[in-house]
Amino acid sequence: MGRPHFQVRLGAFAKSDSPIQLASIKDARQYRIGGYKGDAKTQFLLDRGIEVQAALRDAENVRKLDKG
């Protein structure tokens, strides 16, 4: 196989006092993950078997994170 055509960079957020550390995408499977409906990064995670709670707006995911 040749080199990849592009790379996908994903960011993850957690509360500052959270002990969560992700070394790979597979590590995310055990957590609730928020994403955006129709977003390519959300689809990337779904394609890899990671459940994503999709939201329409940034504020929705911030509220979910704040509530835990």
Protein backbone atom coordinates (compact mmCIF):
# COMPACT_ATOMS: atom_id res chain seq x y z
CA MET A 1 0.00 0.00 0.00
CA GLY A 2 1.04 3.58 -0.56
CA ARG A 3 1.03 6.46 1.82
CA PRO A 4 -2.29 7.86 3.06
CA HIS A 5 -3.83 10.70 1.08
CA PHE A 6 -4.61 12.68 4.20
CA GLN A 7 -4.59 12.52 7.98
CA VAL A 8 -7.50 13.06 10.32
CA ARG A 9 -6.86 14.90 13.57
CA LEU A 10 -9.41 14.56 16.31
CA GLY A 11 -9.59 16.41 19.59
CA ALA A 12 -11.30 15.25 22.74
CA PHE A 13 -12.38 17.25 25.76
CA ALA A 14 -12.99 16.17 29.34
CA LYS A 15 -13.48 18.01 32.61
CA SER A 16 -10.23 19.29 34.09
CA ASP A 17 -10.50 16.92 37.07
CA SER A 18 -11.14 13.87 34.87
CA PRO A 19 -8.65 10.99 34.99
CA ILE A 20 -9.48 10.04 31.37
CA GLN A 21 -6.49 9.56 29.07
CA LEU A 22 -6.79 8.28 25.52
CA ALA A 23 -3.81 6.66 23.84
CA SER A 24 -5.81 5.60 20.78
CA ILE A 25 -9.26 5.89 19.25
CA LYS A 26 -10.06 2.41 20.57
CA ASP A 27 -9.72 3.75 24.13
CA ALA A 28 -12.69 6.06 23.48
CA ARG A 29 -15.13 3.15 23.17
CA GLN A 30 -15.62 2.98 26.94
CA TYR A 31 -16.75 6.62 27.22
CA ARG A 32 -19.69 8.71 26.07
CA ILE A 33 -18.53 10.72 23.08
CA GLY A 34 -20.23 13.87 21.84
CA GLY A 35 -20.04 14.92 18.21
CA TYR A 36 -21.94 16.90 15.61
CA LYS A 37 -24.63 15.61 13.30
CA GLY A 38 -23.40 15.38 9.74
CA ASP A 39 -19.76 16.02 10.70
CA ALA A 40 -17.01 14.01 8.99
CA LYS A 41 -15.20 13.44 12.31
CA THR A 42 -18.38 12.03 13.86
CA GLN A 43 -18.75 9.69 10.88
CA PHE A 44 -15.08 8.69 11.18
CA LEU A 45 -15.70 7.54 14.76
CA LEU A 46 -18.96 5.79 13.89
CA ASP A 47 -17.22 3.90 11.07
CA ARG A 48 -14.78 2.57 13.67
CA GLY A 49 -17.50 1.29 15.99
CA ILE A 50 -17.45 4.17 18.45
CA GLU A 51 -20.86 5.31 19.62
CA VAL A 52 -21.29 9.07 19.25
CA GLN A 53 -24.04 11.17 20.77
CA ALA A 54 -24.53 13.68 17.97
CA ALA A 55 -25.68 17.23 18.70
CA LEU A 56 -26.69 20.12 16.48
CA ARG A 57 -24.78 22.86 18.36
CA ASP A 58 -21.57 23.35 20.35
CA ALA A 59 -23.56 24.43 23.40
CA GLU A 60 -25.32 21.05 23.58
CA ASN A 61 -22.06 19.15 23.88
CA VAL A 62 -20.73 21.64 26.44
CA ARG A 63 -23.85 21.11 28.58
CA LYS A 64 -23.49 17.33 28.32
CA LEU A 65 -19.85 17.53 29.37
CA ASP A 66 -20.68 19.82 32.29
CA LYS A 67 -23.38 17.43 33.55
CA GLY A 68 -21.05 14.45 33.27
